[in-house]
Amino acid sequence: MPNPVVHPAAAESPAALAHFEQRLRFETDCWDTHEGLLQQEPGFVLLDVRSPALYLKSHLPGAINLPHAKIIAGKLTAWPLETLFVVYCAGPHCNGANRAAIALARLGRPVKEMIGGVTGWADEGFVFAVGEEPGSLVELESAR
């Protein structure tokens, strides 16, 4: 029986380089997101694209709740068109972040998926926030 790791053969180095560099244009991971959030100016807006109930239960510190099905141009007017959005959902078993990334890309917005989602964040041992945070869409909408 052929070894499934070595057959088919690995891509040539230039093709592998292009592939892996391209992946980093579409996704980031929990560690890099955490490090970015520690910066005075992170350079991105972190969107929790799960339901408001799950967001209130626990979410990444600094994340804004905007469920993937509710991503429309009108919800994004607070941010310049060049704003990078980093989206996450429950984890590898959830496609909500993919749906959110599609919605943002269709609106012409720069987007990356944080791979691992909440599950990956927990695996890294990072802390979670609970309840509404200042600046969340839930709070902004209720204040109007």
C-alpha atoms as a PDB file:
ATOM      1  CA  MET A   1       0.000   0.000   0.000  1.00  0.00           C
ATOM      2  CA  PRO A   2       1.457   3.409  -0.962  1.00  0.00           C
ATOM      3  CA  ASN A   3       2.241   5.891   1.789  1.00  0.00           C
ATOM      4  CA  PRO A   4      -0.480   8.584   1.614  1.00  0.00           C
ATOM      5  CA  VAL A   5       1.891  11.196   3.034  1.00  0.00           C
ATOM      6  CA  VAL A   6       4.427  10.936   0.225  1.00  0.00           C
ATOM      7  CA  HIS A   7       2.033   9.986  -2.618  1.00  0.00           C
ATOM      8  CA  PRO A   8       1.182  12.231  -4.306  1.00  0.00           C
ATOM      9  CA  ALA A   9       4.532  13.932  -4.020  1.00  0.00           C
ATOM     10  CA  ALA A  10       4.862  17.321  -2.348  1.00  0.00           C
ATOM     11  CA  ALA A  11       4.614  20.371  -4.569  1.00  0.00           C
ATOM     12  CA  GLU A  12       7.757  21.989  -5.896  1.00  0.00           C
ATOM     13  CA  SER A  13       9.096  24.667  -3.543  1.00  0.00           C
ATOM     14  CA  PRO A  14       7.985  27.661  -5.682  1.00  0.00           C
ATOM     15  CA  ALA A  15       4.427  26.300  -5.822  1.00  0.00           C
ATOM     16  CA  ALA A  16       4.428  25.560  -2.083  1.00  0.00           C
ATOM     17  CA  LEU A  17       5.726  29.050  -1.344  1.00  0.00           C
ATOM     18  CA  ALA A  18       2.995  30.669  -3.446  1.00  0.00           C
ATOM     19  CA  HIS A  19       0.309  28.496  -1.855  1.00  0.00           C
ATOM     20  CA  PHE A  20       1.291  29.155   1.763  1.00  0.00           C
ATOM     21  CA  GLU A  21       1.908  32.870   1.216  1.00  0.00           C
ATOM     22  CA  GLN A  22      -1.523  33.115  -0.400  1.00  0.00           C
ATOM     23  CA  ARG A  23      -3.180  31.362   2.556  1.00  0.00           C
ATOM     24  CA  LEU A  24      -1.849  34.049   4.903  1.00  0.00           C
ATOM     25  CA  ARG A  25      -3.663  36.662   2.814  1.00  0.00           C
ATOM     26  CA  PHE A  26      -6.969  34.933   3.640  1.00  0.00           C
ATOM     27  CA  GLU A  27      -6.515  33.773   7.202  1.00  0.00           C
ATOM     28  CA  THR A  28      -4.846  34.504  10.488  1.00  0.00           C
ATOM     29  CA  ASP A  29      -4.652  32.425  13.628  1.00  0.00           C
ATOM     30  CA  CYS A  30      -5.581  32.925  17.265  1.00  0.00           C
ATOM     31  CA  TRP A  31      -2.035  33.691  18.378  1.00  0.00           C
ATOM     32  CA  ASP A  32      -1.487  36.399  15.769  1.00  0.00           C
ATOM     33  CA  THR A  33      -4.932  37.875  16.464  1.00  0.00           C
ATOM     34  CA  HIS A  34      -4.169  37.962  20.194  1.00  0.00           C
ATOM     35  CA  GLU A  35      -0.826  39.668  19.525  1.00  0.00           C
ATOM     36  CA  GLY A  36      -2.522  42.168  17.213  1.00  0.00           C
ATOM     37  CA  LEU A  37      -5.108  43.039  19.842  1.00  0.00           C
ATOM     38  CA  LEU A  38      -2.298  43.907  22.265  1.00  0.00           C
ATOM     39  CA  GLN A  39      -1.126  46.675  19.931  1.00  0.00           C
ATOM     40  CA  GLN A  40      -2.294  50.242  20.531  1.00  0.00           C
ATOM     41  CA  GLU A  41      -3.628  50.238  16.956  1.00  0.00           C
ATOM     42  CA  PRO A  42      -4.412  46.622  16.006  1.00  0.00           C
ATOM     43  CA  GLY A  43      -5.096  47.489  12.355  1.00  0.00           C
ATOM     44  CA  PHE A  44      -8.290  45.424  12.195  1.00  0.00           C
ATOM     45  CA  VAL A  45     -11.804  45.099  13.570  1.00  0.00           C
ATOM     46  CA  LEU A  46     -12.557  41.756  15.201  1.00  0.00           C
ATOM     47  CA  LEU A  47     -16.043  40.433  14.418  1.00  0.00           C
ATOM     48  CA  ASP A  48     -17.704  37.640  16.350  1.00  0.00           C
ATOM     49  CA  VAL A  49     -20.159  36.369  13.751  1.00  0.00           C
ATOM     50  CA  ARG A  50     -22.059  33.993  16.038  1.00  0.00           C
ATOM     51  CA  SER A  51     -25.463  34.670  17.576  1.00  0.00           C
ATOM     52  CA  PRO A  52     -25.903  37.455  20.134  1.00  0.00           C
ATOM     53  CA  ALA A  53     -26.703  34.828  22.801  1.00  0.00           C
ATOM     54  CA  LEU A  54     -23.394  33.039  22.261  1.00  0.00           C
ATOM     55  CA  TYR A  55     -21.546  36.356  22.143  1.00  0.00           C
ATOM     56  CA  LEU A  56     -23.013  37.432  25.493  1.00  0.00           C
ATOM     57  CA  LYS A  57     -22.075  34.088  27.034  1.00  0.00           C
ATOM     58  CA  SER A  58     -18.404  34.486  26.034  1.00  0.00           C
ATOM     59  CA  HIS A  59     -16.397  36.101  23.259  1.00  0.00           C
ATOM     60  CA  LEU A  60     -12.915  37.326  22.444  1.00  0.00           C
ATOM     61  CA  PRO A  61     -12.042  40.557  24.240  1.00  0.00           C
ATOM     62  CA  GLY A  62     -12.571  43.528  21.943  1.00  0.00           C
ATOM     63  CA  ALA A  63     -14.786  41.628  19.509  1.00  0.00           C
ATOM     64  CA  ILE A  64     -17.915  43.200  18.099  1.00  0.00           C
ATOM     65  CA  ASN A  65     -20.911  40.965  17.566  1.00  0.00           C
ATOM     66  CA  LEU A  66     -22.318  40.974  14.052  1.00  0.00           C
ATOM     67  CA  PRO A  67     -23.922  37.649  13.101  1.00  0.00           C
ATOM     68  CA  HIS A  68     -22.880  36.521   9.627  1.00  0.00           C
ATOM     69  CA  ALA A  69     -26.439  36.603   8.292  1.00  0.00           C
ATOM     70  CA  LYS A  70     -26.760  40.284   9.278  1.00  0.00           C
ATOM     71  CA  ILE A  71     -23.662  41.581   7.504  1.00  0.00           C
ATOM     72  CA  ILE A  72     -24.915  44.304   5.173  1.00  0.00           C
ATOM     73  CA  ALA A  73     -23.397  47.560   3.979  1.00  0.00           C
ATOM     74  CA  GLY A  74     -25.480  49.627   6.400  1.00  0.00           C
ATOM     75  CA  LYS A  75     -23.970  47.835   9.419  1.00  0.00           C
ATOM     76  CA  LEU A  76     -20.436  48.735   8.302  1.00  0.00           C
ATOM     77  CA  THR A  77     -20.738  52.479   7.767  1.00  0.00           C
ATOM     78  CA  ALA A  78     -18.813  53.255  10.979  1.00  0.00           C
ATOM     79  CA  TRP A  79     -15.618  51.952   9.367  1.00  0.00           C
ATOM     80  CA  PRO A  80     -13.702  53.239   6.327  1.00  0.00           C
ATOM     81  CA  LEU A  81     -13.826  51.023   3.242  1.00  0.00           C
ATOM     82  CA  GLU A  82     -10.197  49.944   3.704  1.00  0.00           C
ATOM     83  CA  THR A  83     -10.801  48.606   7.250  1.00  0.00           C
ATOM     84  CA  LEU A  84      -9.644  45.012   7.643  1.00  0.00           C
ATOM     85  CA  PHE A  85     -12.180  42.767   9.344  1.00  0.00           C
ATOM     86  CA  VAL A  86     -11.082  39.580  11.105  1.00  0.00           C
ATOM     87  CA  VAL A  87     -13.997  37.193  11.530  1.00  0.00           C
ATOM     88  CA  TYR A  88     -14.413  34.197  13.789  1.00  0.00           C
ATOM     89  CA  CYS A  89     -17.118  31.762  14.815  1.00  0.00           C
ATOM     90  CA  ALA A  90     -17.289  28.738  17.118  1.00  0.00           C
ATOM     91  CA  GLY A  91     -14.385  26.804  15.631  1.00  0.00           C
ATOM     92  CA  PRO A  92     -13.297  24.388  12.933  1.00  0.00           C
ATOM     93  CA  HIS A  93     -16.707  22.696  12.995  1.00  0.00           C
ATOM     94  CA  CYS A  94     -18.505  25.965  12.129  1.00  0.00           C
ATOM     95  CA  ASN A  95     -18.712  27.680   8.735  1.00  0.00           C
ATOM     96  CA  GLY A  96     -20.088  30.977  10.056  1.00  0.00           C
ATOM     97  CA  ALA A  97     -16.730  32.703   9.619  1.00  0.00           C
ATOM     98  CA  ASN A  98     -16.624  31.557   5.992  1.00  0.00           C
ATOM     99  CA  ARG A  99     -20.118  32.937   5.425  1.00  0.00           C
ATOM    100  CA  ALA A 100     -19.128  36.225   7.059  1.00  0.00           C
ATOM    101  CA  ALA A 101     -15.974  36.457   4.948  1.00  0.00           C
ATOM    102  CA  ILE A 102     -18.020  35.932   1.800  1.00  0.00           C
ATOM    103  CA  ALA A 103     -20.494  38.646   2.826  1.00  0.00           C
ATOM    104  CA  LEU A 104     -17.715  41.118   3.596  1.00  0.00           C
ATOM    105  CA  ALA A 105     -15.841  40.336   0.377  1.00  0.00           C
ATOM    106  CA  ARG A 106     -19.054  40.820  -1.632  1.00  0.00           C
ATOM    107  CA  LEU A 107     -19.307  44.265  -0.049  1.00  0.00           C
ATOM    108  CA  GLY A 108     -15.750  45.050  -1.153  1.00  0.00           C
ATOM    109  CA  ARG A 109     -14.347  44.887   2.382  1.00  0.00           C
ATOM    110  CA  PRO A 110     -10.931  43.440   3.253  1.00  0.00           C
ATOM    111  CA  VAL A 111     -11.374  40.321   5.388  1.00  0.00           C
ATOM    112  CA  LYS A 112      -9.436  37.505   7.000  1.00  0.00           C
ATOM    113  CA  GLU A 113     -10.758  34.490   8.865  1.00  0.00           C
ATOM    114  CA  MET A 114      -9.308  33.719  12.279  1.00  0.00           C
ATOM    115  CA  ILE A 115      -8.840  29.983  11.981  1.00  0.00           C
ATOM    116  CA  GLY A 116      -9.718  27.960  15.047  1.00  0.00           C
ATOM    117  CA  GLY A 117     -12.431  30.330  16.240  1.00  0.00           C
ATOM    118  CA  VAL A 118     -13.517  30.161  19.870  1.00  0.00           C
ATOM    119  CA  THR A 119     -12.198  26.606  20.150  1.00  0.00           C
ATOM    120  CA  GLY A 120      -8.734  27.652  18.992  1.00  0.00           C
ATOM    121  CA  TRP A 121      -8.745  30.681  21.304  1.00  0.00           C
ATOM    122  CA  ALA A 122      -9.522  28.395  24.262  1.00  0.00           C
ATOM    123  CA  ASP A 123      -6.858  25.898  23.154  1.00  0.00           C
ATOM    124  CA  GLU A 124      -4.277  28.709  23.281  1.00  0.00           C
ATOM    125  CA  GLY A 125      -5.337  29.493  26.857  1.00  0.00           C
ATOM    126  CA  PHE A 126      -6.439  33.044  26.097  1.00  0.00           C
ATOM    127  CA  VAL A 127      -9.099  34.749  28.220  1.00  0.00           C
ATOM    128  CA  PHE A 128     -12.667  35.431  27.152  1.00  0.00           C
ATOM    129  CA  ALA A 129     -14.944  38.379  27.811  1.00  0.00           C
ATOM    130  CA  VAL A 130     -18.516  37.944  28.987  1.00  0.00           C
ATOM    131  CA  GLY A 131     -21.542  40.142  28.333  1.00  0.00           C
ATOM    132  CA  GLU A 132     -21.728  43.288  26.252  1.00  0.00           C
ATOM    133  CA  GLU A 133     -18.552  45.259  25.709  1.00  0.00           C
ATOM    134  CA  PRO A 134     -18.459  48.985  24.994  1.00  0.00           C
ATOM    135  CA  GLY A 135     -18.720  49.548  21.268  1.00  0.00           C
ATOM    136  CA  SER A 136     -20.523  46.305  20.500  1.00  0.00           C
ATOM    137  CA  LEU A 137     -23.255  46.554  17.901  1.00  0.00           C
ATOM    138  CA  VAL A 138     -25.704  45.214  20.457  1.00  0.00           C
ATOM    139  CA  GLU A 139     -24.989  48.213  22.716  1.00  0.00           C
ATOM    140  CA  LEU A 140     -24.898  50.735  19.873  1.00  0.00           C
ATOM    141  CA  GLU A 141     -28.244  49.617  18.508  1.00  0.00           C
ATOM    142  CA  SER A 142     -29.928  49.701  21.924  1.00  0.00           C
ATOM    143  CA  ALA A 143     -28.597  53.234  22.547  1.00  0.00           C
ATOM    144  CA  ARG A 144     -30.338  54.611  19.451  1.00  0.00           C
END
